[in-house]
């Protein structure tokens, strides 16, 4: 363990889902960092027992007491759940508990230059059912950290897909796009790929919104009126961009070889492709924040909670990428 190794703050997510399961499973593995789990101690201890994770839980009095990770020991800051947790059964009473974990983790990382937040999955529906407007981690963490414009990017090795818009109904996407938004997103991608991924001149392939990238206005005008002006402005700032490109051919091997990241206009334009190519290895990364944040590429998987069948691969990858981003070195 090097002195420069970071602290990974791991939020355990929706308590009725597999978040506690995968947190327990990952604690059994060697990790070259300090790993601090946030969550309800009783839930995590019970879940470790029910899934057969060979770990002991060490509850810390203070987050600053975290030590280098030892395989088999979970270092935990106890954030009590609001209501009894039943695996597989959502309870709106625990919505604020889930948000408090995220809030605490973000603020811990906000005050440290050598830390990263890694998030287990949450269930948007139950948080909204509790009366809290919540569209996702990305927007919530930007609000908590004062991070301005957050940019969602999924990555699997050298395959990266970023989004101009995130969790919006499809009918709202075109109205949410603007040249200024796309130019700002491109600037954030360019800056953070340089800073966190050590890519000297990121090559960004930008997708069109419409089929065939609008077919010169025949299938839609957004490419000409919104996207192309944004690309011209980005080039004026020294950013290397190509597009707008038809989405149906942007993920061929030759096309991916020619870029470092693909910028899609909306959630389900880009993410099905990367998940089809690398599901289980994909890491969700939030660019544009004053903290490093990564997450798994899957949901709460309620039916697998407490069964011992949840896979830890994506969480393992998310922690590895978080360490790389926080330290500037490959692991």
C-alpha atoms as a PDB file:
ATOM      1  CA  UNK A   1       0.000   0.000   0.000  1.00  0.00           C
ATOM      2  CA  UNK A   2       1.418   3.372  -1.036  1.00  0.00           C
ATOM      3  CA  UNK A   3       0.744   6.573   0.861  1.00  0.00           C
ATOM      4  CA  UNK A   4      -0.793   8.020  -2.300  1.00  0.00           C
ATOM      5  CA  UNK A   5      -3.370   5.252  -2.579  1.00  0.00           C
ATOM      6  CA  UNK A   6      -6.877   6.704  -2.368  1.00  0.00           C
ATOM      7  CA  UNK A   7      -9.867   6.171  -0.165  1.00  0.00           C
ATOM      8  CA  UNK A   8     -12.737   4.518  -2.022  1.00  0.00           C
ATOM      9  CA  UNK A   9     -16.056   5.514  -0.469  1.00  0.00           C
ATOM     10  CA  UNK A  10     -18.568   2.821  -1.364  1.00  0.00           C
ATOM     11  CA  UNK A  11     -22.289   3.590  -1.034  1.00  0.00           C
ATOM     12  CA  UNK A  12     -24.273   0.404  -0.521  1.00  0.00           C
ATOM     13  CA  UNK A  13     -27.317   1.586  -2.495  1.00  0.00           C
ATOM     14  CA  UNK A  14     -30.917   0.349  -2.261  1.00  0.00           C
ATOM     15  CA  UNK A  15     -30.931  -1.910   0.822  1.00  0.00           C
ATOM     16  CA  UNK A  16     -33.574  -4.286  -0.554  1.00  0.00           C
ATOM     17  CA  UNK A  17     -31.483  -4.947  -3.663  1.00  0.00           C
ATOM     18  CA  UNK A  18     -28.078  -6.495  -4.293  1.00  0.00           C
ATOM     19  CA  UNK A  19     -26.059  -3.456  -3.235  1.00  0.00           C
ATOM     20  CA  UNK A  20     -25.343  -4.859   0.247  1.00  0.00           C
ATOM     21  CA  UNK A  21     -24.575  -8.266  -1.299  1.00  0.00           C
ATOM     22  CA  UNK A  22     -21.914  -7.003  -3.688  1.00  0.00           C
ATOM     23  CA  UNK A  23     -20.421  -4.703  -1.048  1.00  0.00           C
ATOM     24  CA  UNK A  24     -19.998  -7.733   1.206  1.00  0.00           C
ATOM     25  CA  UNK A  25     -18.551  -9.829  -1.631  1.00  0.00           C
ATOM     26  CA  UNK A  26     -16.025  -7.184  -2.680  1.00  0.00           C
ATOM     27  CA  UNK A  27     -14.858  -6.752   0.928  1.00  0.00           C
ATOM     28  CA  UNK A  28     -13.539 -10.310   0.788  1.00  0.00           C
ATOM     29  CA  UNK A  29     -11.156  -9.402  -2.044  1.00  0.00           C
ATOM     30  CA  UNK A  30      -7.780  -7.602  -1.976  1.00  0.00           C
ATOM     31  CA  UNK A  31      -8.046  -3.947  -3.022  1.00  0.00           C
ATOM     32  CA  UNK A  32      -5.116  -1.508  -3.242  1.00  0.00           C
ATOM     33  CA  UNK A  33      -6.887   1.333  -1.452  1.00  0.00           C
ATOM     34  CA  UNK A  34      -8.643   2.307   1.716  1.00  0.00           C
ATOM     35  CA  UNK A  35     -12.241   1.151   1.276  1.00  0.00           C
ATOM     36  CA  UNK A  36     -14.968   2.764   3.350  1.00  0.00           C
ATOM     37  CA  UNK A  37     -18.510   1.358   3.045  1.00  0.00           C
ATOM     38  CA  UNK A  38     -21.532   3.501   3.924  1.00  0.00           C
ATOM     39  CA  UNK A  39     -24.721   1.775   4.988  1.00  0.00           C
ATOM     40  CA  UNK A  40     -26.845   0.192   7.675  1.00  0.00           C
ATOM     41  CA  UNK A  41     -24.630  -2.074   9.778  1.00  0.00           C
ATOM     42  CA  UNK A  42     -27.370  -4.586  10.616  1.00  0.00           C
ATOM     43  CA  UNK A  43     -28.385  -4.951   6.956  1.00  0.00           C
ATOM     44  CA  UNK A  44     -24.814  -5.424   5.765  1.00  0.00           C
ATOM     45  CA  UNK A  45     -23.974  -7.944   8.489  1.00  0.00           C
ATOM     46  CA  UNK A  46     -27.136  -9.951   7.763  1.00  0.00           C
ATOM     47  CA  UNK A  47     -26.523  -9.863   4.024  1.00  0.00           C
ATOM     48  CA  UNK A  48     -22.937 -11.034   4.411  1.00  0.00           C
ATOM     49  CA  UNK A  49     -24.194 -13.960   6.482  1.00  0.00           C
ATOM     50  CA  UNK A  50     -27.024 -14.886   4.121  1.00  0.00           C
ATOM     51  CA  UNK A  51     -24.826 -14.771   1.006  1.00  0.00           C
ATOM     52  CA  UNK A  52     -21.922 -16.616   2.587  1.00  0.00           C
ATOM     53  CA  UNK A  53     -19.446 -13.731   2.260  1.00  0.00           C
ATOM     54  CA  UNK A  54     -16.453 -14.553   4.407  1.00  0.00           C
ATOM     55  CA  UNK A  55     -16.006 -11.140   6.015  1.00  0.00           C
ATOM     56  CA  UNK A  56     -16.214  -9.396   9.345  1.00  0.00           C
ATOM     57  CA  UNK A  57     -17.683  -5.900   9.672  1.00  0.00           C
ATOM     58  CA  UNK A  58     -15.680  -3.249  11.514  1.00  0.00           C
ATOM     59  CA  UNK A  59     -17.851  -0.246  12.377  1.00  0.00           C
ATOM     60  CA  UNK A  60     -15.810   2.962  12.488  1.00  0.00           C
ATOM     61  CA  UNK A  61     -16.479   5.801  14.886  1.00  0.00           C
ATOM     62  CA  UNK A  62     -15.358   8.282  12.235  1.00  0.00           C
ATOM     63  CA  UNK A  63     -14.682   8.110   8.497  1.00  0.00           C
ATOM     64  CA  UNK A  64     -11.133   9.372   9.066  1.00  0.00           C
ATOM     65  CA  UNK A  65     -10.341   6.144  10.945  1.00  0.00           C
ATOM     66  CA  UNK A  66     -10.368   4.117   7.725  1.00  0.00           C
ATOM     67  CA  UNK A  67      -7.218   2.063   7.179  1.00  0.00           C
ATOM     68  CA  UNK A  68      -5.738   0.262   4.164  1.00  0.00           C
ATOM     69  CA  UNK A  69      -8.117  -2.459   3.051  1.00  0.00           C
ATOM     70  CA  UNK A  70      -7.516  -5.998   4.235  1.00  0.00           C
ATOM     71  CA  UNK A  71      -9.333  -8.778   2.393  1.00  0.00           C
ATOM     72  CA  UNK A  72     -12.075 -10.140   4.625  1.00  0.00           C
ATOM     73  CA  UNK A  73     -12.695  -6.966   6.642  1.00  0.00           C
ATOM     74  CA  UNK A  74     -15.384  -4.436   5.741  1.00  0.00           C
ATOM     75  CA  UNK A  75     -14.732  -0.988   7.194  1.00  0.00           C
ATOM     76  CA  UNK A  76     -18.130   0.615   7.661  1.00  0.00           C
ATOM     77  CA  UNK A  77     -19.620   3.935   8.663  1.00  0.00           C
ATOM     78  CA  UNK A  78     -23.020   2.977  10.054  1.00  0.00           C
ATOM     79  CA  UNK A  79     -25.865   4.957   8.488  1.00  0.00           C
ATOM     80  CA  UNK A  80     -29.006   3.487  10.092  1.00  0.00           C
ATOM     81  CA  UNK A  81     -31.864   2.560   7.790  1.00  0.00           C
ATOM     82  CA  UNK A  82     -35.164   4.279   8.490  1.00  0.00           C
ATOM     83  CA  UNK A  83     -37.163   1.041   8.400  1.00  0.00           C
ATOM     84  CA  UNK A  84     -36.532  -2.694   8.676  1.00  0.00           C
ATOM     85  CA  UNK A  85     -35.001  -4.007   5.459  1.00  0.00           C
ATOM     86  CA  UNK A  86     -36.509  -7.052   3.769  1.00  0.00           C
ATOM     87  CA  UNK A  87     -34.447  -8.415   0.844  1.00  0.00           C
ATOM     88  CA  UNK A  88     -36.298  -8.033  -2.442  1.00  0.00           C
ATOM     89  CA  UNK A  89     -39.027  -5.788  -1.021  1.00  0.00           C
ATOM     90  CA  UNK A  90     -38.851  -2.046  -1.703  1.00  0.00           C
ATOM     91  CA  UNK A  91     -39.914   0.336   1.049  1.00  0.00           C
ATOM     92  CA  UNK A  92     -40.368   4.071   0.389  1.00  0.00           C
ATOM     93  CA  UNK A  93     -39.596   4.663   4.071  1.00  0.00           C
ATOM     94  CA  UNK A  94     -35.930   3.968   3.278  1.00  0.00           C
ATOM     95  CA  UNK A  95     -35.702   6.459   0.407  1.00  0.00           C
ATOM     96  CA  UNK A  96     -34.170   9.204   2.564  1.00  0.00           C
ATOM     97  CA  UNK A  97     -31.710   6.662   3.981  1.00  0.00           C
ATOM     98  CA  UNK A  98     -30.511   5.863   0.455  1.00  0.00           C
ATOM     99  CA  UNK A  99     -30.094   9.561  -0.333  1.00  0.00           C
ATOM    100  CA  UNK A 100     -28.285  10.189   2.959  1.00  0.00           C
ATOM    101  CA  UNK A 101     -25.710   7.539   2.041  1.00  0.00           C
ATOM    102  CA  UNK A 102     -25.098   9.288  -1.292  1.00  0.00           C
ATOM    103  CA  UNK A 103     -25.009  12.722   0.305  1.00  0.00           C
ATOM    104  CA  UNK A 104     -22.514  11.585   2.945  1.00  0.00           C
ATOM    105  CA  UNK A 105     -20.286   9.873   0.407  1.00  0.00           C
ATOM    106  CA  UNK A 106     -20.239  12.846  -1.927  1.00  0.00           C
ATOM    107  CA  UNK A 107     -19.359  15.272   0.856  1.00  0.00           C
ATOM    108  CA  UNK A 108     -16.599  13.002   2.173  1.00  0.00           C
ATOM    109  CA  UNK A 109     -15.048  12.931  -1.299  1.00  0.00           C
ATOM    110  CA  UNK A 110     -15.658  16.651  -1.839  1.00  0.00           C
ATOM    111  CA  UNK A 111     -13.270  17.402   0.998  1.00  0.00           C
ATOM    112  CA  UNK A 112     -10.484  15.119  -0.229  1.00  0.00           C
ATOM    113  CA  UNK A 113      -8.328  15.232  -3.342  1.00  0.00           C
ATOM    114  CA  UNK A 114      -7.333  11.590  -2.946  1.00  0.00           C
ATOM    115  CA  UNK A 115     -10.702   9.860  -2.818  1.00  0.00           C
ATOM    116  CA  UNK A 116     -13.439   8.533  -5.066  1.00  0.00           C
ATOM    117  CA  UNK A 117     -17.097   7.669  -4.660  1.00  0.00           C
ATOM    118  CA  UNK A 118     -18.249   4.292  -6.003  1.00  0.00           C
ATOM    119  CA  UNK A 119     -21.996   3.716  -5.953  1.00  0.00           C
ATOM    120  CA  UNK A 120     -24.030   0.532  -5.764  1.00  0.00           C
ATOM    121  CA  UNK A 121     -27.393   0.675  -7.589  1.00  0.00           C
ATOM    122  CA  UNK A 122     -30.449   2.537  -6.320  1.00  0.00           C
ATOM    123  CA  UNK A 123     -34.109   2.210  -7.297  1.00  0.00           C
ATOM    124  CA  UNK A 124     -35.368   5.491  -8.762  1.00  0.00           C
ATOM    125  CA  UNK A 125     -39.015   4.448  -8.613  1.00  0.00           C
ATOM    126  CA  UNK A 126     -39.181   3.937  -4.850  1.00  0.00           C
ATOM    127  CA  UNK A 127     -37.404   7.230  -4.153  1.00  0.00           C
ATOM    128  CA  UNK A 128     -39.954   9.049  -6.295  1.00  0.00           C
ATOM    129  CA  UNK A 129     -42.737   7.067  -4.632  1.00  0.00           C
ATOM    130  CA  UNK A 130     -41.528   8.557  -1.341  1.00  0.00           C
ATOM    131  CA  UNK A 131     -42.213  12.022  -2.744  1.00  0.00           C
ATOM    132  CA  UNK A 132     -38.628  12.925  -3.674  1.00  0.00           C
ATOM    133  CA  UNK A 133     -37.983  13.956  -7.273  1.00  0.00           C
ATOM    134  CA  UNK A 134     -34.985  11.848  -8.255  1.00  0.00           C
ATOM    135  CA  UNK A 135     -33.868  11.170 -11.818  1.00  0.00           C
ATOM    136  CA  UNK A 136     -30.587   9.438 -10.995  1.00  0.00           C
ATOM    137  CA  UNK A 137     -27.201   9.502  -9.299  1.00  0.00           C
ATOM    138  CA  UNK A 138     -25.771  11.815 -11.952  1.00  0.00           C
ATOM    139  CA  UNK A 139     -28.084  14.741 -11.330  1.00  0.00           C
ATOM    140  CA  UNK A 140     -28.272  14.219  -7.554  1.00  0.00           C
ATOM    141  CA  UNK A 141     -24.499  14.208  -7.086  1.00  0.00           C
ATOM    142  CA  UNK A 142     -24.098  17.315  -9.229  1.00  0.00           C
ATOM    143  CA  UNK A 143     -26.558  19.108  -6.963  1.00  0.00           C
ATOM    144  CA  UNK A 144     -24.866  17.931  -3.747  1.00  0.00           C
ATOM    145  CA  UNK A 145     -21.340  18.799  -4.870  1.00  0.00           C
ATOM    146  CA  UNK A 146     -22.173  21.986  -6.757  1.00  0.00           C
ATOM    147  CA  UNK A 147     -20.597  20.365  -9.779  1.00  0.00           C
ATOM    148  CA  UNK A 148     -22.449  22.282 -12.470  1.00  0.00           C
ATOM    149  CA  UNK A 149     -23.089  20.244 -15.622  1.00  0.00           C
ATOM    150  CA  UNK A 150     -22.654  16.489 -15.024  1.00  0.00           C
ATOM    151  CA  UNK A 151     -21.868  14.233 -17.978  1.00  0.00           C
ATOM    152  CA  UNK A 152     -22.696  10.535 -17.862  1.00  0.00           C
ATOM    153  CA  UNK A 153     -20.131   8.259 -19.517  1.00  0.00           C
ATOM    154  CA  UNK A 154     -20.016   4.475 -19.589  1.00  0.00           C
ATOM    155  CA  UNK A 155     -16.687   2.783 -20.217  1.00  0.00           C
ATOM    156  CA  UNK A 156     -15.341  -0.717 -20.745  1.00  0.00           C
ATOM    157  CA  UNK A 157     -11.607  -0.539 -21.319  1.00  0.00           C
ATOM    158  CA  UNK A 158     -11.034   1.751 -24.300  1.00  0.00           C
ATOM    159  CA  UNK A 159     -14.716   1.675 -25.302  1.00  0.00           C
ATOM    160  CA  UNK A 160     -16.472   4.791 -23.979  1.00  0.00           C
ATOM    161  CA  UNK A 161     -19.930   6.244 -24.567  1.00  0.00           C
ATOM    162  CA  UNK A 162     -20.985   9.627 -23.144  1.00  0.00           C
ATOM    163  CA  UNK A 163     -24.439  11.224 -23.183  1.00  0.00           C
ATOM    164  CA  UNK A 164     -25.593  14.728 -24.086  1.00  0.00           C
ATOM    165  CA  UNK A 165     -28.874  14.121 -22.208  1.00  0.00           C
ATOM    166  CA  UNK A 166     -29.464  11.513 -19.532  1.00  0.00           C
ATOM    167  CA  UNK A 167     -32.708  10.377 -17.920  1.00  0.00           C
ATOM    168  CA  UNK A 168     -35.360  12.053 -20.040  1.00  0.00           C
ATOM    169  CA  UNK A 169     -38.468  10.727 -21.773  1.00  0.00           C
ATOM    170  CA  UNK A 170     -37.762  10.395 -25.483  1.00  0.00           C
ATOM    171  CA  UNK A 171     -40.379  13.031 -26.299  1.00  0.00           C
ATOM    172  CA  UNK A 172     -38.327  15.616 -24.371  1.00  0.00           C
ATOM    173  CA  UNK A 173     -34.893  14.927 -25.845  1.00  0.00           C
ATOM    174  CA  UNK A 174     -34.997  17.199 -28.914  1.00  0.00           C
ATOM    175  CA  UNK A 175     -36.249  20.117 -26.856  1.00  0.00           C
ATOM    176  CA  UNK A 176     -33.488  19.619 -24.288  1.00  0.00           C
ATOM    177  CA  UNK A 177     -30.690  19.796 -26.855  1.00  0.00           C
ATOM    178  CA  UNK A 178     -28.978  23.056 -27.700  1.00  0.00           C
ATOM    179  CA  UNK A 179     -25.700  24.042 -29.326  1.00  0.00           C
ATOM    180  CA  UNK A 180     -24.503  25.513 -26.023  1.00  0.00           C
ATOM    181  CA  UNK A 181     -25.275  22.298 -24.148  1.00  0.00           C
ATOM    182  CA  UNK A 182     -23.449  20.095 -26.637  1.00  0.00           C
ATOM    183  CA  UNK A 183     -20.454  22.444 -26.761  1.00  0.00           C
ATOM    184  CA  UNK A 184     -20.231  22.394 -22.946  1.00  0.00           C
ATOM    185  CA  UNK A 185     -20.531  18.607 -22.832  1.00  0.00           C
ATOM    186  CA  UNK A 186     -17.742  18.290 -25.402  1.00  0.00           C
ATOM    187  CA  UNK A 187     -15.519  20.610 -23.350  1.00  0.00           C
ATOM    188  CA  UNK A 188     -16.086  18.532 -20.190  1.00  0.00           C
ATOM    189  CA  UNK A 189     -15.360  15.266 -22.004  1.00  0.00           C
ATOM    190  CA  UNK A 190     -12.187  16.715 -23.518  1.00  0.00           C
ATOM    191  CA  UNK A 191     -10.981  18.085 -20.163  1.00  0.00           C
ATOM    192  CA  UNK A 192     -11.735  14.990 -18.087  1.00  0.00           C
ATOM    193  CA  UNK A 193     -10.350  12.462 -20.571  1.00  0.00           C
ATOM    194  CA  UNK A 194      -7.122  14.436 -20.488  1.00  0.00           C
ATOM    195  CA  UNK A 195      -7.105  14.764 -16.694  1.00  0.00           C
ATOM    196  CA  UNK A 196      -8.293  11.324 -15.604  1.00  0.00           C
ATOM    197  CA  UNK A 197      -7.528   9.014 -18.525  1.00  0.00           C
ATOM    198  CA  UNK A 198      -4.247  10.550 -19.706  1.00  0.00           C
ATOM    199  CA  UNK A 199      -5.412  10.935 -23.313  1.00  0.00           C
ATOM    200  CA  UNK A 200      -3.459  13.872 -24.751  1.00  0.00           C
ATOM    201  CA  UNK A 201      -5.906  14.743 -27.566  1.00  0.00           C
ATOM    202  CA  UNK A 202      -9.242  12.959 -27.092  1.00  0.00           C
ATOM    203  CA  UNK A 203     -11.023  12.063 -30.338  1.00  0.00           C
ATOM    204  CA  UNK A 204     -14.764  12.517 -29.854  1.00  0.00           C
ATOM    205  CA  UNK A 205     -17.241  11.006 -32.326  1.00  0.00           C
ATOM    206  CA  UNK A 206     -20.599  12.799 -32.089  1.00  0.00           C
ATOM    207  CA  UNK A 207     -23.819  11.080 -33.120  1.00  0.00           C
ATOM    208  CA  UNK A 208     -26.715  12.757 -34.850  1.00  0.00           C
ATOM    209  CA  UNK A 209     -30.132  12.797 -33.242  1.00  0.00           C
ATOM    210  CA  UNK A 210     -32.163  11.490 -36.175  1.00  0.00           C
ATOM    211  CA  UNK A 211     -31.884   8.379 -38.372  1.00  0.00           C
ATOM    212  CA  UNK A 212     -29.001   8.712 -40.848  1.00  0.00           C
ATOM    213  CA  UNK A 213     -27.958  11.867 -38.929  1.00  0.00           C
ATOM    214  CA  UNK A 214     -30.886  13.707 -40.482  1.00  0.00           C
ATOM    215  CA  UNK A 215     -30.110  12.891 -44.112  1.00  0.00           C
ATOM    216  CA  UNK A 216     -29.314  16.573 -44.857  1.00  0.00           C
ATOM    217  CA  UNK A 217     -32.574  17.730 -43.312  1.00  0.00           C
ATOM    218  CA  UNK A 218     -34.840  15.132 -44.918  1.00  0.00           C
ATOM    219  CA  UNK A 219     -35.232  13.197 -41.642  1.00  0.00           C
ATOM    220  CA  UNK A 220     -34.841  16.093 -39.225  1.00  0.00           C
ATOM    221  CA  UNK A 221     -33.047  19.404 -38.937  1.00  0.00           C
ATOM    222  CA  UNK A 222     -31.397  19.194 -35.492  1.00  0.00           C
ATOM    223  CA  UNK A 223     -28.089  18.060 -36.988  1.00  0.00           C
ATOM    224  CA  UNK A 224     -27.827  21.249 -39.062  1.00  0.00           C
ATOM    225  CA  UNK A 225     -29.329  23.721 -36.607  1.00  0.00           C
ATOM    226  CA  UNK A 226     -27.995  22.434 -33.271  1.00  0.00           C
ATOM    227  CA  UNK A 227     -25.258  19.803 -33.525  1.00  0.00           C
ATOM    228  CA  UNK A 228     -23.109  21.121 -36.379  1.00  0.00           C
ATOM    229  CA  UNK A 229     -22.788  24.633 -34.866  1.00  0.00           C
ATOM    230  CA  UNK A 230     -21.725  23.030 -31.572  1.00  0.00           C
ATOM    231  CA  UNK A 231     -19.058  20.963 -33.339  1.00  0.00           C
ATOM    232  CA  UNK A 232     -17.752  24.039 -35.140  1.00  0.00           C
ATOM    233  CA  UNK A 233     -17.495  25.905 -31.834  1.00  0.00           C
ATOM    234  CA  UNK A 234     -15.723  22.956 -30.208  1.00  0.00           C
ATOM    235  CA  UNK A 235     -13.198  22.786 -33.035  1.00  0.00           C
ATOM    236  CA  UNK A 236     -12.575  26.473 -32.496  1.00  0.00           C
ATOM    237  CA  UNK A 237     -11.581  25.602 -28.921  1.00  0.00           C
ATOM    238  CA  UNK A 238      -9.104  22.992 -30.132  1.00  0.00           C
ATOM    239  CA  UNK A 239     -11.311  19.966 -29.402  1.00  0.00           C
ATOM    240  CA  UNK A 240     -11.018  17.080 -31.878  1.00  0.00           C
ATOM    241  CA  UNK A 241     -14.554  16.116 -32.935  1.00  0.00           C
ATOM    242  CA  UNK A 242     -16.149  14.303 -35.856  1.00  0.00           C
ATOM    243  CA  UNK A 243     -19.821  14.160 -36.812  1.00  0.00           C
ATOM    244  CA  UNK A 244     -22.679  14.283 -36.654  1.00  0.00           C
ATOM    245  CA  UNK A 245     -22.543  10.573 -37.460  1.00  0.00           C
ATOM    246  CA  UNK A 246     -25.376   8.091 -38.092  1.00  0.00           C
ATOM    247  CA  UNK A 247     -25.856   6.097 -34.895  1.00  0.00           C
ATOM    248  CA  UNK A 248     -26.503   2.822 -36.720  1.00  0.00           C
ATOM    249  CA  UNK A 249     -22.914   2.588 -38.020  1.00  0.00           C
ATOM    250  CA  UNK A 250     -21.026   4.398 -35.236  1.00  0.00           C
ATOM    251  CA  UNK A 251     -20.299   1.256 -33.238  1.00  0.00           C
ATOM    252  CA  UNK A 252     -18.652  -0.837 -35.934  1.00  0.00           C
ATOM    253  CA  UNK A 253     -15.079  -1.911 -35.078  1.00  0.00           C
ATOM    254  CA  UNK A 254     -13.567   0.464 -37.637  1.00  0.00           C
ATOM    255  CA  UNK A 255     -15.588   3.431 -36.378  1.00  0.00           C
ATOM    256  CA  UNK A 256     -14.684   2.749 -32.747  1.00  0.00           C
ATOM    257  CA  UNK A 257     -11.023   2.397 -33.632  1.00  0.00           C
ATOM    258  CA  UNK A 258     -11.076   5.976 -34.943  1.00  0.00           C
ATOM    259  CA  UNK A 259     -12.258   7.583 -31.684  1.00  0.00           C
ATOM    260  CA  UNK A 260     -11.674   7.596 -27.932  1.00  0.00           C
ATOM    261  CA  UNK A 261     -15.295   8.247 -26.987  1.00  0.00           C
ATOM    262  CA  UNK A 262     -18.704   8.363 -28.662  1.00  0.00           C
ATOM    263  CA  UNK A 263     -21.089  11.152 -27.637  1.00  0.00           C
ATOM    264  CA  UNK A 264     -24.713  10.021 -27.999  1.00  0.00           C
ATOM    265  CA  UNK A 265     -27.605  12.452 -27.924  1.00  0.00           C
ATOM    266  CA  UNK A 266     -29.788  10.397 -25.571  1.00  0.00           C
ATOM    267  CA  UNK A 267     -29.665   7.499 -23.126  1.00  0.00           C
ATOM    268  CA  UNK A 268     -30.911   4.611 -25.245  1.00  0.00           C
ATOM    269  CA  UNK A 269     -29.092   5.727 -28.374  1.00  0.00           C
ATOM    270  CA  UNK A 270     -25.667   4.922 -26.946  1.00  0.00           C
ATOM    271  CA  UNK A 271     -25.970   2.693 -23.908  1.00  0.00           C
ATOM    272  CA  UNK A 272     -27.546  -0.410 -25.509  1.00  0.00           C
ATOM    273  CA  UNK A 273     -24.512  -0.674 -27.791  1.00  0.00           C
ATOM    274  CA  UNK A 274     -21.873  -0.597 -25.055  1.00  0.00           C
ATOM    275  CA  UNK A 275     -23.869  -2.902 -22.799  1.00  0.00           C
ATOM    276  CA  UNK A 276     -24.367  -5.375 -25.624  1.00  0.00           C
ATOM    277  CA  UNK A 277     -20.634  -5.352 -26.318  1.00  0.00           C
ATOM    278  CA  UNK A 278     -19.361  -5.484 -22.734  1.00  0.00           C
ATOM    279  CA  UNK A 279     -22.100  -6.044 -20.146  1.00  0.00           C
ATOM    280  CA  UNK A 280     -20.653  -6.918 -16.743  1.00  0.00           C
ATOM    281  CA  UNK A 281     -17.440  -5.044 -17.530  1.00  0.00           C
ATOM    282  CA  UNK A 282     -19.014  -1.619 -18.023  1.00  0.00           C
ATOM    283  CA  UNK A 283     -18.378   1.170 -15.530  1.00  0.00           C
ATOM    284  CA  UNK A 284     -20.650   4.192 -15.171  1.00  0.00           C
ATOM    285  CA  UNK A 285     -18.559   7.356 -14.728  1.00  0.00           C
ATOM    286  CA  UNK A 286     -19.796  10.859 -13.978  1.00  0.00           C
ATOM    287  CA  UNK A 287     -17.649  13.530 -15.607  1.00  0.00           C
ATOM    288  CA  UNK A 288     -17.895  17.224 -14.780  1.00  0.00           C
ATOM    289  CA  UNK A 289     -18.043  16.801 -10.993  1.00  0.00           C
ATOM    290  CA  UNK A 290     -15.507  18.104  -8.458  1.00  0.00           C
ATOM    291  CA  UNK A 291     -15.200  14.494  -7.230  1.00  0.00           C
ATOM    292  CA  UNK A 292     -14.376  11.194  -8.907  1.00  0.00           C
ATOM    293  CA  UNK A 293     -17.475   9.011  -9.139  1.00  0.00           C
ATOM    294  CA  UNK A 294     -17.960   5.605 -10.720  1.00  0.00           C
ATOM    295  CA  UNK A 295     -20.740   3.032 -10.504  1.00  0.00           C
ATOM    296  CA  UNK A 296     -21.881  -0.386 -11.647  1.00  0.00           C
ATOM    297  CA  UNK A 297     -23.657  -0.916 -14.965  1.00  0.00           C
ATOM    298  CA  UNK A 298     -26.635  -2.829 -13.547  1.00  0.00           C
ATOM    299  CA  UNK A 299     -29.719  -2.261 -11.433  1.00  0.00           C
ATOM    300  CA  UNK A 300     -30.867  -3.379  -8.004  1.00  0.00           C
ATOM    301  CA  UNK A 301     -31.770  -6.931  -9.116  1.00  0.00           C
ATOM    302  CA  UNK A 302     -34.297  -7.359  -6.312  1.00  0.00           C
ATOM    303  CA  UNK A 303     -34.910 -11.017  -7.110  1.00  0.00           C
ATOM    304  CA  UNK A 304     -31.237 -11.830  -6.428  1.00  0.00           C
ATOM    305  CA  UNK A 305     -30.968 -10.025  -3.093  1.00  0.00           C
ATOM    306  CA  UNK A 306     -29.686 -12.278  -0.270  1.00  0.00           C
ATOM    307  CA  UNK A 307     -29.457 -15.307  -2.598  1.00  0.00           C
ATOM    308  CA  UNK A 308     -25.685 -15.283  -3.063  1.00  0.00           C
ATOM    309  CA  UNK A 309     -26.132 -15.220  -6.848  1.00  0.00           C
ATOM    310  CA  UNK A 310     -25.296 -11.541  -7.466  1.00  0.00           C
ATOM    311  CA  UNK A 311     -22.220 -10.950  -9.616  1.00  0.00           C
ATOM    312  CA  UNK A 312     -19.494  -8.628  -8.348  1.00  0.00           C
ATOM    313  CA  UNK A 313     -17.690  -8.110 -11.690  1.00  0.00           C
ATOM    314  CA  UNK A 314     -19.071  -4.649 -12.438  1.00  0.00           C
ATOM    315  CA  UNK A 315     -18.393  -3.355  -8.919  1.00  0.00           C
ATOM    316  CA  UNK A 316     -14.864  -4.709  -9.107  1.00  0.00           C
ATOM    317  CA  UNK A 317     -14.378  -2.841 -12.394  1.00  0.00           C
ATOM    318  CA  UNK A 318     -15.919   0.356 -10.967  1.00  0.00           C
ATOM    319  CA  UNK A 319     -13.486   0.313  -8.044  1.00  0.00           C
ATOM    320  CA  UNK A 320     -10.534  -0.334 -10.344  1.00  0.00           C
ATOM    321  CA  UNK A 321     -11.448   2.621 -12.578  1.00  0.00           C
ATOM    322  CA  UNK A 322     -12.061   4.849  -9.544  1.00  0.00           C
ATOM    323  CA  UNK A 323      -8.575   4.087  -8.261  1.00  0.00           C
ATOM    324  CA  UNK A 324      -7.091   4.841 -11.682  1.00  0.00           C
ATOM    325  CA  UNK A 325      -8.961   8.148 -11.926  1.00  0.00           C
ATOM    326  CA  UNK A 326      -8.109   9.240  -8.387  1.00  0.00           C
ATOM    327  CA  UNK A 327      -4.423   8.372  -8.586  1.00  0.00           C
ATOM    328  CA  UNK A 328      -3.615   8.881 -12.256  1.00  0.00           C
ATOM    329  CA  UNK A 329      -2.141   5.386 -12.568  1.00  0.00           C
ATOM    330  CA  UNK A 330      -3.207   2.055 -14.019  1.00  0.00           C
ATOM    331  CA  UNK A 331      -4.088  -0.756 -11.613  1.00  0.00           C
END
